[in-house]
PDB file of N, CA and C in Angstrom:
ATOM      1  N   UNK A   1     -52.149  50.255  46.694  1.00  0.00           N
ATOM      2  CA  UNK A   1     -51.756  51.440  45.950  1.00  0.00           C
ATOM      3  C   UNK A   1     -51.651  52.624  46.894  1.00  0.00           C
ATOM      4  N   UNK A   2     -50.576  53.322  46.813  1.00  0.00           N
ATOM      5  CA  UNK A   2     -50.359  54.477  47.672  1.00  0.00           C
ATOM      6  C   UNK A   2     -51.186  55.663  47.172  1.00  0.00           C
ATOM      7  N   UNK A   3     -51.687  56.435  48.086  1.00  0.00           N
ATOM      8  CA  UNK A   3     -52.513  57.577  47.738  1.00  0.00           C
ATOM      9  C   UNK A   3     -51.682  58.660  47.055  1.00  0.00           C
ATOM     10  N   UNK A   4     -52.204  59.240  45.987  1.00  0.00           N
ATOM     11  CA  UNK A   4     -51.528  60.334  45.298  1.00  0.00           C
ATOM     12  C   UNK A   4     -52.001  61.688  45.803  1.00  0.00           C
ATOM     13  N   UNK A   5     -53.034  61.703  46.615  1.00  0.00           N
ATOM     14  CA  UNK A   5     -53.568  62.959  47.132  1.00  0.00           C
ATOM     15  C   UNK A   5     -52.696  63.409  48.306  1.00  0.00           C
ATOM     16  N   UNK A   6     -52.253  64.637  48.238  1.00  0.00           N
ATOM     17  CA  UNK A   6     -51.387  65.194  49.278  1.00  0.00           C
ATOM     18  C   UNK A   6     -52.065  66.398  49.919  1.00  0.00           C
ATOM     19  N   UNK A   7     -51.612  66.735  51.130  1.00  0.00           N
ATOM     20  CA  UNK A   7     -52.146  67.879  51.860  1.00  0.00           C
ATOM     21  C   UNK A   7     -50.962  68.758  52.279  1.00  0.00           C
ATOM     22  N   UNK A   8     -51.183  70.049  52.314  1.00  0.00           N
ATOM     23  CA  UNK A   8     -50.138  70.993  52.718  1.00  0.00           C
ATOM     24  C   UNK A   8     -49.686  70.658  54.135  1.00  0.00           C
ATOM     25  N   UNK A   9     -48.380  70.547  54.345  1.00  0.00           N
ATOM     26  CA  UNK A   9     -47.857  70.162  55.660  1.00  0.00           C
ATOM     27  C   UNK A   9     -48.038  71.271  56.704  1.00  0.00           C
ATOM     28  N   UNK A  10     -48.226  72.495  56.276  1.00  0.00           N
ATOM     29  CA  UNK A  10     -48.378  73.612  57.213  1.00  0.00           C
ATOM     30  C   UNK A  10     -49.791  74.185  57.189  1.00  0.00           C
ATOM     31  N   UNK A  11     -50.792  73.378  56.854  1.00  0.00           N
ATOM     32  CA  UNK A  11     -52.139  73.931  56.717  1.00  0.00           C
ATOM     33  C   UNK A  11     -52.713  74.407  58.031  1.00  0.00           C
ATOM     34  N   UNK A  12     -52.324  73.818  59.149  1.00  0.00           N
ATOM     35  CA  UNK A  12     -52.864  74.255  60.454  1.00  0.00           C
ATOM     36  C   UNK A  12     -52.400  75.663  60.810  1.00  0.00           C
ATOM     37  N   UNK A  13     -51.200  76.027  60.411  1.00  0.00           N
ATOM     38  CA  UNK A  13     -50.659  77.344  60.731  1.00  0.00           C
ATOM     39  C   UNK A  13     -51.018  78.411  59.695  1.00  0.00           C
ATOM     40  N   UNK A  14     -51.144  78.006  58.425  1.00  0.00           N
ATOM     41  CA  UNK A  14     -51.270  78.991  57.349  1.00  0.00           C
ATOM     42  C   UNK A  14     -52.633  79.075  56.684  1.00  0.00           C
ATOM     43  N   UNK A  15     -53.460  78.047  56.812  1.00  0.00           N
ATOM     44  CA  UNK A  15     -54.737  78.024  56.084  1.00  0.00           C
ATOM     45  C   UNK A  15     -55.910  77.800  57.041  1.00  0.00           C
ATOM     46  N   UNK A  16     -57.116  78.182  56.588  1.00  0.00           N
ATOM     47  CA  UNK A  16     -58.327  77.973  57.386  1.00  0.00           C
ATOM     48  C   UNK A  16     -58.715  76.500  57.417  1.00  0.00           C
ATOM     49  N   UNK A  17     -58.437  75.803  56.327  1.00  0.00           N
ATOM     50  CA  UNK A  17     -58.806  74.393  56.196  1.00  0.00           C
ATOM     51  C   UNK A  17     -57.711  73.689  55.402  1.00  0.00           C
ATOM     52  N   UNK A  18     -57.719  72.372  55.373  1.00  0.00           N
ATOM     53  CA  UNK A  18     -56.685  71.650  54.626  1.00  0.00           C
ATOM     54  C   UNK A  18     -56.707  71.974  53.139  1.00  0.00           C
ATOM     55  N   UNK A  19     -55.540  72.099  52.547  1.00  0.00           N
ATOM     56  CA  UNK A  19     -55.408  72.353  51.112  1.00  0.00           C
ATOM     57  C   UNK A  19     -54.862  71.078  50.485  1.00  0.00           C
ATOM     58  N   UNK A  20     -55.688  70.423  49.665  1.00  0.00           N
ATOM     59  CA  UNK A  20     -55.307  69.168  49.020  1.00  0.00           C
ATOM     60  C   UNK A  20     -54.787  69.438  47.617  1.00  0.00           C
ATOM     61  N   UNK A  21     -53.832  68.630  47.190  1.00  0.00           N
ATOM     62  CA  UNK A  21     -53.224  68.789  45.876  1.00  0.00           C
ATOM     63  C   UNK A  21     -52.670  67.457  45.387  1.00  0.00           C
ATOM     64  N   UNK A  22     -52.340  67.388  44.121  1.00  0.00           N
ATOM     65  CA  UNK A  22     -51.683  66.221  43.557  1.00  0.00           C
ATOM     66  C   UNK A  22     -50.185  66.456  43.378  1.00  0.00           C
ATOM     67  N   UNK A  23     -49.751  67.702  43.523  1.00  0.00           N
ATOM     68  CA  UNK A  23     -48.335  68.022  43.348  1.00  0.00           C
ATOM     69  C   UNK A  23     -47.575  67.875  44.670  1.00  0.00           C
ATOM     70  N   UNK A  24     -46.270  68.036  44.610  1.00  0.00           N
ATOM     71  CA  UNK A  24     -45.425  67.895  45.803  1.00  0.00           C
ATOM     72  C   UNK A  24     -45.395  69.162  46.656  1.00  0.00           C
ATOM     73  N   UNK A  25     -45.908  70.269  46.125  1.00  0.00           N
ATOM     74  CA  UNK A  25     -45.941  71.528  46.880  1.00  0.00           C
ATOM     75  C   UNK A  25     -47.360  72.062  46.939  1.00  0.00           C
ATOM     76  N   UNK A  26     -47.621  72.856  47.966  1.00  0.00           N
ATOM     77  CA  UNK A  26     -48.939  73.469  48.139  1.00  0.00           C
ATOM     78  C   UNK A  26     -49.141  74.540  47.063  1.00  0.00           C
ATOM     79  N   UNK A  27     -50.280  74.539  46.360  1.00  0.00           N
ATOM     80  CA  UNK A  27     -50.502  75.550  45.322  1.00  0.00           C
ATOM     81  C   UNK A  27     -50.747  76.945  45.884  1.00  0.00           C
ATOM     82  N   UNK A  28     -51.112  77.051  47.159  1.00  0.00           N
ATOM     83  CA  UNK A  28     -51.431  78.344  47.760  1.00  0.00           C
ATOM     84  C   UNK A  28     -50.187  79.005  48.361  1.00  0.00           C
ATOM     85  N   UNK A  29     -49.461  78.263  49.226  1.00  0.00           N
ATOM     86  CA  UNK A  29     -48.331  78.867  49.936  1.00  0.00           C
ATOM     87  C   UNK A  29     -46.971  78.375  49.451  1.00  0.00           C
ATOM     88  N   UNK A  30     -46.933  77.313  48.662  1.00  0.00           N
ATOM     89  CA  UNK A  30     -45.669  76.811  48.138  1.00  0.00           C
ATOM     90  C   UNK A  30     -44.901  75.921  49.093  1.00  0.00           C
ATOM     91  N   UNK A  31     -45.474  75.632  50.248  1.00  0.00           N
ATOM     92  CA  UNK A  31     -44.813  74.764  51.216  1.00  0.00           C
ATOM     93  C   UNK A  31     -44.906  73.307  50.768  1.00  0.00           C
ATOM     94  N   UNK A  32     -44.115  72.432  51.368  1.00  0.00           N
ATOM     95  CA  UNK A  32     -44.091  71.004  51.034  1.00  0.00           C
ATOM     96  C   UNK A  32     -45.449  70.368  51.322  1.00  0.00           C
ATOM     97  N   UNK A  33     -45.885  69.456  50.467  1.00  0.00           N
ATOM     98  CA  UNK A  33     -47.130  68.712  50.665  1.00  0.00           C
ATOM     99  C   UNK A  33     -46.775  67.281  51.059  1.00  0.00           C
ATOM    100  N   UNK A  34     -47.561  66.702  51.967  1.00  0.00           N
ATOM    101  CA  UNK A  34     -47.290  65.343  52.437  1.00  0.00           C
ATOM    102  C   UNK A  34     -48.471  64.442  52.134  1.00  0.00           C
ATOM    103  N   UNK A  35     -48.232  63.151  52.178  1.00  0.00           N
ATOM    104  CA  UNK A  35     -49.270  62.164  51.901  1.00  0.00           C
ATOM    105  C   UNK A  35     -50.416  62.341  52.894  1.00  0.00           C
ATOM    106  N   UNK A  36     -51.648  62.392  52.407  1.00  0.00           N
ATOM    107  CA  UNK A  36     -52.787  62.656  53.285  1.00  0.00           C
ATOM    108  C   UNK A  36     -53.341  61.396  53.938  1.00  0.00           C
ATOM    109  N   UNK A  37     -52.997  60.218  53.421  1.00  0.00           N
ATOM    110  CA  UNK A  37     -53.524  58.973  53.974  1.00  0.00           C
ATOM    111  C   UNK A  37     -52.586  58.411  55.045  1.00  0.00           C
ATOM    112  N   UNK A  38     -53.139  57.911  56.132  1.00  0.00           N
ATOM    113  CA  UNK A  38     -52.282  57.293  57.147  1.00  0.00           C
ATOM    114  C   UNK A  38     -51.741  55.949  56.651  1.00  0.00           C
ATOM    115  N   UNK A  39     -50.694  55.494  57.254  1.00  0.00           N
ATOM    116  CA  UNK A  39     -50.133  54.199  56.884  1.00  0.00           C
ATOM    117  C   UNK A  39     -51.143  53.100  57.202  1.00  0.00           C
ATOM    118  N   UNK A  40     -51.269  52.068  56.351  1.00  0.00           N
ATOM    119  CA  UNK A  40     -52.258  51.024  56.589  1.00  0.00           C
ATOM    120  C   UNK A  40     -51.924  50.161  57.797  1.00  0.00           C
ATOM    121  N   UNK A  41     -50.648  50.031  58.128  1.00  0.00           N
ATOM    122  CA  UNK A  41     -50.238  49.256  59.291  1.00  0.00           C
ATOM    123  C   UNK A  41     -48.831  49.662  59.678  1.00  0.00           C
ATOM    124  N   UNK A  42     -48.456  49.333  60.890  1.00  0.00           N
ATOM    125  CA  UNK A  42     -47.118  49.614  61.385  1.00  0.00           C
ATOM    126  C   UNK A  42     -46.374  48.291  61.508  1.00  0.00           C
ATOM    127  N   UNK A  43     -45.284  48.093  60.799  1.00  0.00           N
ATOM    128  CA  UNK A  43     -44.576  46.818  60.877  1.00  0.00           C
ATOM    129  C   UNK A  43     -43.999  46.535  62.261  1.00  0.00           C
ATOM    130  N   UNK A  44     -43.840  47.553  63.085  1.00  0.00           N
ATOM    131  CA  UNK A  44     -43.304  47.376  64.436  1.00  0.00           C
ATOM    132  C   UNK A  44     -44.398  47.233  65.481  1.00  0.00           C
ATOM    133  N   UNK A  45     -45.651  47.058  65.051  1.00  0.00           N
ATOM    134  CA  UNK A  45     -46.778  46.929  65.965  1.00  0.00           C
ATOM    135  C   UNK A  45     -46.663  45.634  66.763  1.00  0.00           C
ATOM    136  N   UNK A  46     -46.467  45.751  68.058  1.00  0.00           N
ATOM    137  CA  UNK A  46     -46.262  44.563  68.889  1.00  0.00           C
ATOM    138  C   UNK A  46     -47.556  43.785  69.130  1.00  0.00           C
ATOM    139  N   UNK A  47     -48.704  44.403  68.946  1.00  0.00           N
ATOM    140  CA  UNK A  47     -49.987  43.729  69.171  1.00  0.00           C
ATOM    141  C   UNK A  47     -50.696  43.343  67.873  1.00  0.00           C
ATOM    142  N   UNK A  48     -50.055  43.548  66.732  1.00  0.00           N
ATOM    143  CA  UNK A  48     -50.668  43.257  65.439  1.00  0.00           C
ATOM    144  C   UNK A  48     -51.069  41.800  65.286  1.00  0.00           C
ATOM    145  N   UNK A  49     -50.227  40.905  65.756  1.00  0.00           N
ATOM    146  CA  UNK A  49     -50.528  39.475  65.651  1.00  0.00           C
ATOM    147  C   UNK A  49     -51.812  39.131  66.406  1.00  0.00           C
ATOM    148  N   UNK A  50     -52.000  39.715  67.586  1.00  0.00           N
ATOM    149  CA  UNK A  50     -53.196  39.447  68.393  1.00  0.00           C
ATOM    150  C   UNK A  50     -54.452  40.019  67.747  1.00  0.00           C
ATOM    151  N   UNK A  51     -54.349  41.231  67.183  1.00  0.00           N
ATOM    152  CA  UNK A  51     -55.509  41.830  66.523  1.00  0.00           C
ATOM    153  C   UNK A  51     -55.932  41.019  65.307  1.00  0.00           C
ATOM    154  N   UNK A  52     -54.948  40.542  64.522  1.00  0.00           N
ATOM    155  CA  UNK A  52     -55.290  39.736  63.353  1.00  0.00           C
ATOM    156  C   UNK A  52     -55.932  38.415  63.765  1.00  0.00           C
ATOM    157  N   UNK A  53     -55.449  37.819  64.853  1.00  0.00           N
ATOM    158  CA  UNK A  53     -56.031  36.565  65.342  1.00  0.00           C
ATOM    159  C   UNK A  53     -57.470  36.796  65.789  1.00  0.00           C
ATOM    160  N   UNK A  54     -57.736  37.898  66.470  1.00  0.00           N
ATOM    161  CA  UNK A  54     -59.108  38.227  66.894  1.00  0.00           C
ATOM    162  C   UNK A  54     -60.007  38.443  65.682  1.00  0.00           C
ATOM    163  N   UNK A  55     -59.482  39.103  64.682  1.00  0.00           N
ATOM    164  CA  UNK A  55     -60.255  39.381  63.475  1.00  0.00           C
ATOM    165  C   UNK A  55     -60.621  38.054  62.777  1.00  0.00           C
ATOM    166  N   UNK A  56     -59.677  37.118  62.713  1.00  0.00           N
ATOM    167  CA  UNK A  56     -59.946  35.822  62.085  1.00  0.00           C
ATOM    168  C   UNK A  56     -61.012  35.049  62.871  1.00  0.00           C
ATOM    169  N   UNK A  57     -60.972  35.141  64.190  1.00  0.00           N
ATOM    170  CA  UNK A  57     -61.955  34.427  65.022  1.00  0.00           C
ATOM    171  C   UNK A  57     -63.350  34.981  64.874  1.00  0.00           C
ATOM    172  N   UNK A  58     -63.466  36.294  64.676  1.00  0.00           N
ATOM    173  CA  UNK A  58     -64.793  36.925  64.621  1.00  0.00           C
ATOM    174  C   UNK A  58     -65.474  36.751  63.265  1.00  0.00           C
ATOM    175  N   UNK A  59     -64.778  36.255  62.270  1.00  0.00           N
ATOM    176  CA  UNK A  59     -65.389  36.071  60.938  1.00  0.00           C
ATOM    177  C   UNK A  59     -66.255  34.875  60.876  1.00  0.00           C
TER     178      UNK A  59
END
């Protein structure tokens, strides 16, 4: 499930701390809000196969 919590894209320049919201725009400055969670994986990760193999071995 994708995260619905968003953070103001310009919080480093305009705010003292991150401003979180559920809407598509920042409630304080009105700027665009972006997804606050990082992507779970990168499909173009060239070492992903090796990391998964290591993880399976360590279990």
